[in-house]
Amino acid sequence: MKHALVAFALLALTGCAAIQGRTAADSEEILAQAGFQRHPLDEPGLPSRQLVESAGTYKFADPNFCNCVYTGGAKEYAELQRLRAERTADRDWVTRHSLYGNSSDPIVWGAWKPEGLDAINAPIAGK
């Protein structure tokens, strides 16, 4: 019984990591589609997996999955918002026409709503 519990716990943790990895891939996929450029992460202090705006430049750092940062400007950010609106409209249509429409399961909806893409202002250094 003890071994079964350990195996179940390991399986659950693996499942959580897979979901987080898929969510990370979804965010990075839509950023790339919007024209953001991927670079090695060499800038300390950026929040993990959160789009940050500073002086018209947008950055999305992912130290856990790709160890990279996606950067773009106003044009890329506008395209990101357009793509997100398109995905939301698609999701709304699927919600109205699917058996899975009422599910809050991230496996069902993860690709439709990547996380961390609502831009925040860059944190002020030293605070």
N, C-alpha and C. Protein backbone atom coordinates (compact mmCIF):
# COMPACT_ATOMS: atom_id res chain seq x y z
N MET A 1 0.83 -1.20 0.00
CA MET A 1 0.00 0.00 0.00
C MET A 1 0.87 1.26 0.00
N LYS A 2 1.94 1.23 0.80
CA LYS A 2 2.83 2.38 0.90
C LYS A 2 3.46 2.69 -0.47
N HIS A 3 3.86 1.66 -1.18
CA HIS A 3 4.47 1.86 -2.51
C HIS A 3 3.46 2.42 -3.50
N ALA A 4 2.21 2.00 -3.37
CA ALA A 4 1.17 2.51 -4.26
C ALA A 4 0.95 4.00 -4.03
N LEU A 5 0.99 4.44 -2.78
CA LEU A 5 0.83 5.86 -2.47
C LEU A 5 1.99 6.69 -3.02
N VAL A 6 3.18 6.17 -2.88
CA VAL A 6 4.36 6.86 -3.41
C VAL A 6 4.27 6.95 -4.93
N ALA A 7 3.88 5.86 -5.57
CA ALA A 7 3.75 5.85 -7.02
C ALA A 7 2.68 6.84 -7.47
N PHE A 8 1.56 6.89 -6.76
CA PHE A 8 0.49 7.83 -7.09
C PHE A 8 0.98 9.28 -6.94
N ALA A 9 1.70 9.56 -5.86
CA ALA A 9 2.21 10.92 -5.64
C ALA A 9 3.18 11.32 -6.75
N LEU A 10 4.05 10.42 -7.16
CA LEU A 10 4.98 10.72 -8.24
C LEU A 10 4.25 10.94 -9.56
N LEU A 11 3.23 10.15 -9.81
CA LEU A 11 2.44 10.32 -11.02
C LEU A 11 1.72 11.66 -11.02
N ALA A 12 1.16 12.05 -9.88
CA ALA A 12 0.47 13.33 -9.78
C ALA A 12 1.44 14.49 -10.01
N LEU A 13 2.62 14.41 -9.44
CA LEU A 13 3.61 15.48 -9.64
C LEU A 13 4.06 15.55 -11.09
N THR A 14 4.22 14.42 -11.72
CA THR A 14 4.59 14.39 -13.13
C THR A 14 3.50 15.02 -13.98
N GLY A 15 2.25 14.72 -13.64
CA GLY A 15 1.12 15.31 -14.37
C GLY A 15 1.08 16.82 -14.22
N CYS A 16 1.33 17.32 -13.01
CA CYS A 16 1.36 18.78 -12.78
C CYS A 16 2.47 19.42 -13.59
N ALA A 17 3.64 18.81 -13.61
CA ALA A 17 4.76 19.35 -14.37
C ALA A 17 4.44 19.36 -15.86
N ALA A 18 3.75 18.34 -16.34
CA ALA A 18 3.39 18.29 -17.75
C ALA A 18 2.41 19.40 -18.10
N ILE A 19 1.45 19.66 -17.23
CA ILE A 19 0.48 20.74 -17.46
C ILE A 19 1.20 22.09 -17.46
N GLN A 20 2.09 22.29 -16.48
CA GLN A 20 2.84 23.55 -16.43
C GLN A 20 3.71 23.71 -17.67
N GLY A 21 4.31 22.64 -18.12
CA GLY A 21 5.13 22.70 -19.33
C GLY A 21 4.29 23.03 -20.55
N ARG A 22 3.09 22.48 -20.64
CA ARG A 22 2.20 22.78 -21.77
C ARG A 22 1.76 24.23 -21.73
N THR A 23 1.45 24.74 -20.53
CA THR A 23 1.06 26.14 -20.38
C THR A 23 2.21 27.05 -20.80
N ALA A 24 3.43 26.69 -20.40
CA ALA A 24 4.61 27.48 -20.80
C ALA A 24 4.75 27.46 -22.31
N ALA A 25 4.59 26.31 -22.92
CA ALA A 25 4.72 26.21 -24.37
C ALA A 25 3.63 27.03 -25.07
N ASP A 26 2.41 27.03 -24.51
CA ASP A 26 1.32 27.82 -25.09
C ASP A 26 1.66 29.30 -25.08
N SER A 27 2.16 29.79 -23.95
CA SER A 27 2.52 31.21 -23.85
C SER A 27 3.62 31.55 -24.84
N GLU A 28 4.63 30.72 -24.90
CA GLU A 28 5.76 30.98 -25.79
C GLU A 28 5.34 30.87 -27.25
N GLU A 29 4.43 29.96 -27.56
CA GLU A 29 3.96 29.80 -28.93
C GLU A 29 3.23 31.05 -29.42
N ILE A 30 2.33 31.59 -28.60
CA ILE A 30 1.58 32.76 -29.02
C ILE A 30 2.47 34.00 -29.08
N LEU A 31 3.47 34.09 -28.19
CA LEU A 31 4.42 35.20 -28.26
C LEU A 31 5.20 35.15 -29.57
N ALA A 32 5.65 33.97 -29.96
CA ALA A 32 6.38 33.82 -31.22
C ALA A 32 5.47 34.15 -32.41
N GLN A 33 4.23 33.69 -32.36
CA GLN A 33 3.29 33.99 -33.44
C GLN A 33 3.07 35.50 -33.58
N ALA A 34 3.11 36.21 -32.46
CA ALA A 34 2.90 37.65 -32.47
C ALA A 34 4.14 38.42 -32.93
N GLY A 35 5.26 37.72 -33.10
CA GLY A 35 6.47 38.38 -33.59
C GLY A 35 7.50 38.68 -32.53
N PHE A 36 7.27 38.27 -31.28
CA PHE A 36 8.28 38.46 -30.24
C PHE A 36 9.49 37.61 -30.58
N GLN A 37 10.68 38.13 -30.27
CA GLN A 37 11.94 37.45 -30.55
C GLN A 37 12.44 36.75 -29.30
N ARG A 38 12.92 35.52 -29.47
CA ARG A 38 13.44 34.72 -28.36
C ARG A 38 14.95 34.92 -28.24
N HIS A 39 15.40 35.19 -27.01
CA HIS A 39 16.81 35.39 -26.73
C HIS A 39 17.17 34.63 -25.45
N PRO A 40 18.44 34.30 -25.25
CA PRO A 40 18.85 33.69 -23.99
C PRO A 40 18.55 34.64 -22.82
N LEU A 41 18.15 34.06 -21.72
CA LEU A 41 17.83 34.87 -20.54
C LEU A 41 19.12 35.24 -19.82
N ASP A 42 19.49 36.52 -19.90
CA ASP A 42 20.69 36.98 -19.22
C ASP A 42 20.43 38.27 -18.45
N GLU A 43 19.16 38.57 -18.23
CA GLU A 43 18.78 39.78 -17.50
C GLU A 43 18.13 39.39 -16.18
N PRO A 44 18.84 39.62 -15.06
CA PRO A 44 18.27 39.26 -13.77
C PRO A 44 17.14 40.21 -13.37
N GLY A 45 16.27 39.73 -12.52
CA GLY A 45 15.24 40.58 -11.94
C GLY A 45 13.91 40.62 -12.66
N LEU A 46 13.81 39.98 -13.83
CA LEU A 46 12.52 39.94 -14.51
C LEU A 46 11.62 38.92 -13.83
N PRO A 47 10.36 39.24 -13.63
CA PRO A 47 9.44 38.25 -13.04
C PRO A 47 9.34 37.03 -13.96
N SER A 48 9.20 35.88 -13.36
CA SER A 48 9.09 34.64 -14.11
C SER A 48 7.72 34.52 -14.76
N ARG A 49 7.72 34.26 -16.07
CA ARG A 49 6.51 33.97 -16.83
C ARG A 49 5.45 35.05 -16.70
N GLN A 50 5.89 36.30 -16.80
CA GLN A 50 4.99 37.46 -16.74
C GLN A 50 5.46 38.49 -17.76
N LEU A 51 4.55 38.95 -18.60
CA LEU A 51 4.87 39.97 -19.58
C LEU A 51 5.05 41.30 -18.87
N VAL A 52 6.21 41.92 -19.07
CA VAL A 52 6.58 43.15 -18.39
C VAL A 52 6.83 44.23 -19.44
N GLU A 53 6.25 45.41 -19.22
CA GLU A 53 6.44 46.54 -20.13
C GLU A 53 7.31 47.60 -19.46
N SER A 54 8.26 48.12 -20.23
CA SER A 54 9.11 49.21 -19.76
C SER A 54 9.51 50.04 -20.97
N ALA A 55 9.10 51.29 -20.98
CA ALA A 55 9.46 52.24 -22.05
C ALA A 55 9.14 51.70 -23.45
N GLY A 56 7.98 51.08 -23.59
CA GLY A 56 7.56 50.59 -24.90
C GLY A 56 8.15 49.27 -25.33
N THR A 57 8.93 48.64 -24.47
CA THR A 57 9.49 47.31 -24.75
C THR A 57 8.81 46.30 -23.83
N TYR A 58 8.45 45.17 -24.41
CA TYR A 58 7.76 44.11 -23.66
C TYR A 58 8.69 42.91 -23.57
N LYS A 59 8.78 42.34 -22.36
CA LYS A 59 9.65 41.18 -22.13
C LYS A 59 8.88 40.12 -21.35
N PHE A 60 9.10 38.87 -21.73
CA PHE A 60 8.49 37.72 -21.07
C PHE A 60 9.61 36.73 -20.79
N ALA A 61 10.01 36.61 -19.53
CA ALA A 61 11.12 35.74 -19.14
C ALA A 61 10.59 34.39 -18.67
N ASP A 62 11.25 33.32 -19.10
CA ASP A 62 10.89 31.98 -18.66
C ASP A 62 12.16 31.23 -18.24
N PRO A 63 12.55 31.40 -16.97
CA PRO A 63 13.77 30.75 -16.50
C PRO A 63 13.62 29.25 -16.26
N ASN A 64 12.39 28.76 -16.18
CA ASN A 64 12.18 27.37 -15.81
C ASN A 64 12.10 26.40 -16.98
N PHE A 65 11.57 26.82 -18.10
CA PHE A 65 11.36 25.88 -19.20
C PHE A 65 12.32 26.10 -20.37
N CYS A 66 12.49 27.33 -20.81
CA CYS A 66 13.38 27.56 -21.96
C CYS A 66 14.63 28.35 -21.58
N ASN A 67 14.66 28.89 -20.37
CA ASN A 67 15.76 29.76 -19.93
C ASN A 67 15.99 30.85 -20.97
N CYS A 68 14.87 31.49 -21.36
CA CYS A 68 14.92 32.48 -22.43
C CYS A 68 14.03 33.67 -22.06
N VAL A 69 14.12 34.70 -22.90
CA VAL A 69 13.26 35.87 -22.76
C VAL A 69 12.74 36.22 -24.15
N TYR A 70 11.45 36.49 -24.23
CA TYR A 70 10.84 36.95 -25.47
C TYR A 70 10.72 38.46 -25.39
N THR A 71 11.16 39.17 -26.43
CA THR A 71 11.09 40.63 -26.42
C THR A 71 10.35 41.12 -27.67
N GLY A 72 9.65 42.22 -27.48
CA GLY A 72 8.93 42.84 -28.58
C GLY A 72 8.57 44.27 -28.24
N GLY A 73 8.02 44.96 -29.22
CA GLY A 73 7.60 46.34 -29.05
C GLY A 73 6.10 46.47 -29.16
N ALA A 74 5.64 47.69 -29.45
CA ALA A 74 4.21 47.98 -29.52
C ALA A 74 3.53 47.17 -30.62
N LYS A 75 4.19 47.01 -31.75
CA LYS A 75 3.61 46.24 -32.87
C LYS A 75 3.36 44.79 -32.46
N GLU A 76 4.33 44.16 -31.83
CA GLU A 76 4.20 42.77 -31.40
C GLU A 76 3.15 42.64 -30.30
N TYR A 77 3.13 43.61 -29.40
CA TYR A 77 2.14 43.57 -28.32
C TYR A 77 0.72 43.70 -28.89
N ALA A 78 0.52 44.57 -29.87
CA ALA A 78 -0.80 44.71 -30.49
C ALA A 78 -1.21 43.40 -31.18
N GLU A 79 -0.26 42.75 -31.84
CA GLU A 79 -0.57 41.47 -32.49
C GLU A 79 -0.88 40.40 -31.45
N LEU A 80 -0.16 40.41 -30.33
CA LEU A 80 -0.44 39.48 -29.25
C LEU A 80 -1.88 39.65 -28.76
N GLN A 81 -2.30 40.89 -28.56
CA GLN A 81 -3.66 41.14 -28.10
C GLN A 81 -4.69 40.67 -29.14
N ARG A 82 -4.39 40.86 -30.42
CA ARG A 82 -5.30 40.39 -31.47
C ARG A 82 -5.41 38.87 -31.45
N LEU A 83 -4.29 38.19 -31.34
CA LEU A 83 -4.29 36.73 -31.29
C LEU A 83 -5.02 36.21 -30.06
N ARG A 84 -4.83 36.86 -28.93
CA ARG A 84 -5.53 36.45 -27.70
C ARG A 84 -7.04 36.64 -27.85
N ALA A 85 -7.46 37.74 -28.45
CA ALA A 85 -8.90 37.98 -28.67
C ALA A 85 -9.47 36.92 -29.61
N GLU A 86 -8.71 36.55 -30.62
CA GLU A 86 -9.14 35.51 -31.55
C GLU A 86 -9.31 34.17 -30.83
N ARG A 87 -8.35 33.83 -29.99
CA ARG A 87 -8.45 32.58 -29.22
C ARG A 87 -9.63 32.61 -28.27
N THR A 88 -9.87 33.76 -27.64
CA THR A 88 -11.01 33.87 -26.73
C THR A 88 -12.32 33.69 -27.48
N ALA A 89 -12.43 34.28 -28.65
CA ALA A 89 -13.64 34.11 -29.47
C ALA A 89 -13.81 32.65 -29.87
N ASP A 90 -12.72 32.00 -30.25
CA ASP A 90 -12.79 30.57 -30.59
C ASP A 90 -13.23 29.75 -29.39
N ARG A 91 -12.68 30.07 -28.23
CA ARG A 91 -13.05 29.34 -27.00
C ARG A 91 -14.52 29.54 -26.68
N ASP A 92 -15.00 30.76 -26.83
CA ASP A 92 -16.41 31.03 -26.56
C ASP A 92 -17.30 30.20 -27.49
N TRP A 93 -16.89 30.09 -28.76
CA TRP A 93 -17.67 29.29 -29.70
C TRP A 93 -17.68 27.83 -29.28
N VAL A 94 -16.50 27.30 -28.91
CA VAL A 94 -16.39 25.91 -28.48
C VAL A 94 -17.21 25.69 -27.21
N THR A 95 -17.18 26.66 -26.29
CA THR A 95 -17.95 26.54 -25.06
C THR A 95 -19.43 26.36 -25.36
N ARG A 96 -19.92 27.11 -26.32
CA ARG A 96 -21.34 27.02 -26.66
C ARG A 96 -21.69 25.73 -27.41
N HIS A 97 -20.71 25.09 -28.04
CA HIS A 97 -21.00 23.96 -28.92
C HIS A 97 -20.30 22.66 -28.51
N SER A 98 -19.88 22.54 -27.27
CA SER A 98 -19.10 21.38 -26.87
C SER A 98 -19.57 20.81 -25.55
N LEU A 99 -19.33 19.50 -25.40
CA LEU A 99 -19.59 18.85 -24.11
C LEU A 99 -18.60 19.31 -23.05
N TYR A 100 -17.43 19.79 -23.49
CA TYR A 100 -16.38 20.21 -22.57
C TYR A 100 -16.48 21.69 -22.21
N GLY A 101 -17.51 22.36 -22.68
CA GLY A 101 -17.63 23.80 -22.53
C GLY A 101 -17.60 24.31 -21.11
N ASN A 102 -18.10 23.54 -20.17
CA ASN A 102 -18.15 24.01 -18.78
C ASN A 102 -16.94 23.56 -17.97
N SER A 103 -15.98 22.91 -18.59
CA SER A 103 -14.81 22.41 -17.89
C SER A 103 -13.85 23.55 -17.54
N SER A 104 -13.32 23.51 -16.33
CA SER A 104 -12.26 24.45 -15.96
C SER A 104 -10.90 23.75 -15.98
N ASP A 105 -10.86 22.54 -16.50
CA ASP A 105 -9.65 21.74 -16.58
C ASP A 105 -8.61 22.42 -17.47
N PRO A 106 -7.39 22.68 -16.96
CA PRO A 106 -6.38 23.34 -17.77
C PRO A 106 -5.95 22.52 -18.98
N ILE A 107 -6.15 21.20 -18.94
CA ILE A 107 -5.82 20.39 -20.10
C ILE A 107 -6.76 20.73 -21.25
N VAL A 108 -8.03 20.98 -20.93
CA VAL A 108 -9.02 21.32 -21.95
C VAL A 108 -8.79 22.73 -22.47
N TRP A 109 -8.51 23.69 -21.56
CA TRP A 109 -8.47 25.10 -21.96
C TRP A 109 -7.08 25.72 -21.95
N GLY A 110 -6.06 25.01 -21.56
CA GLY A 110 -4.74 25.60 -21.45
C GLY A 110 -4.26 26.31 -22.71
N ALA A 111 -4.46 25.69 -23.85
CA ALA A 111 -3.97 26.29 -25.10
C ALA A 111 -4.77 27.53 -25.49
N TRP A 112 -5.94 27.70 -24.90
CA TRP A 112 -6.79 28.83 -25.26
C TRP A 112 -6.46 30.07 -24.45
N LYS A 113 -5.89 29.89 -23.28
CA LYS A 113 -5.66 31.03 -22.42
C LYS A 113 -4.30 30.92 -21.73
N PRO A 114 -3.23 31.18 -22.46
CA PRO A 114 -1.90 31.13 -21.84
C PRO A 114 -1.80 32.15 -20.70
N GLU A 115 -1.01 31.81 -19.70
CA GLU A 115 -0.90 32.67 -18.52
C GLU A 115 0.24 33.67 -18.65
N GLY A 116 0.13 34.76 -17.89
CA GLY A 116 1.20 35.74 -17.77
C GLY A 116 1.30 36.73 -18.91
N LEU A 117 0.27 36.81 -19.75
CA LEU A 117 0.36 37.68 -20.92
C LEU A 117 -0.36 39.01 -20.76
N ASP A 118 -0.88 39.29 -19.58
CA ASP A 118 -1.40 40.63 -19.29
C ASP A 118 -0.21 41.45 -18.81
N ALA A 119 0.17 42.45 -19.60
CA ALA A 119 1.38 43.22 -19.32
C ALA A 119 1.27 43.98 -18.02
N ILE A 120 2.35 43.95 -17.26
CA ILE A 120 2.49 44.76 -16.05
C ILE A 120 3.64 45.72 -16.26
N ASN A 121 3.69 46.78 -15.47
CA ASN A 121 4.82 47.71 -15.54
C ASN A 121 6.04 47.07 -14.90
N ALA A 122 7.20 47.37 -15.45
CA ALA A 122 8.45 46.83 -14.91
C ALA A 122 8.61 47.26 -13.47
N PRO A 123 9.07 46.33 -12.62
CA PRO A 123 9.33 46.70 -11.23
C PRO A 123 10.46 47.74 -11.15
N ILE A 124 10.35 48.63 -10.20
CA ILE A 124 11.35 49.67 -9.99
C ILE A 124 12.51 49.04 -9.24
N ALA A 125 13.72 49.25 -9.73
CA ALA A 125 14.92 48.68 -9.10
C ALA A 125 15.03 49.13 -7.65
N GLY A 126 15.35 48.17 -6.78
CA GLY A 126 15.56 48.47 -5.37
C GLY A 126 14.29 48.45 -4.53
N LYS A 127 13.14 48.15 -5.15
CA LYS A 127 11.89 48.08 -4.37
C LYS A 127 11.31 46.71 -4.41
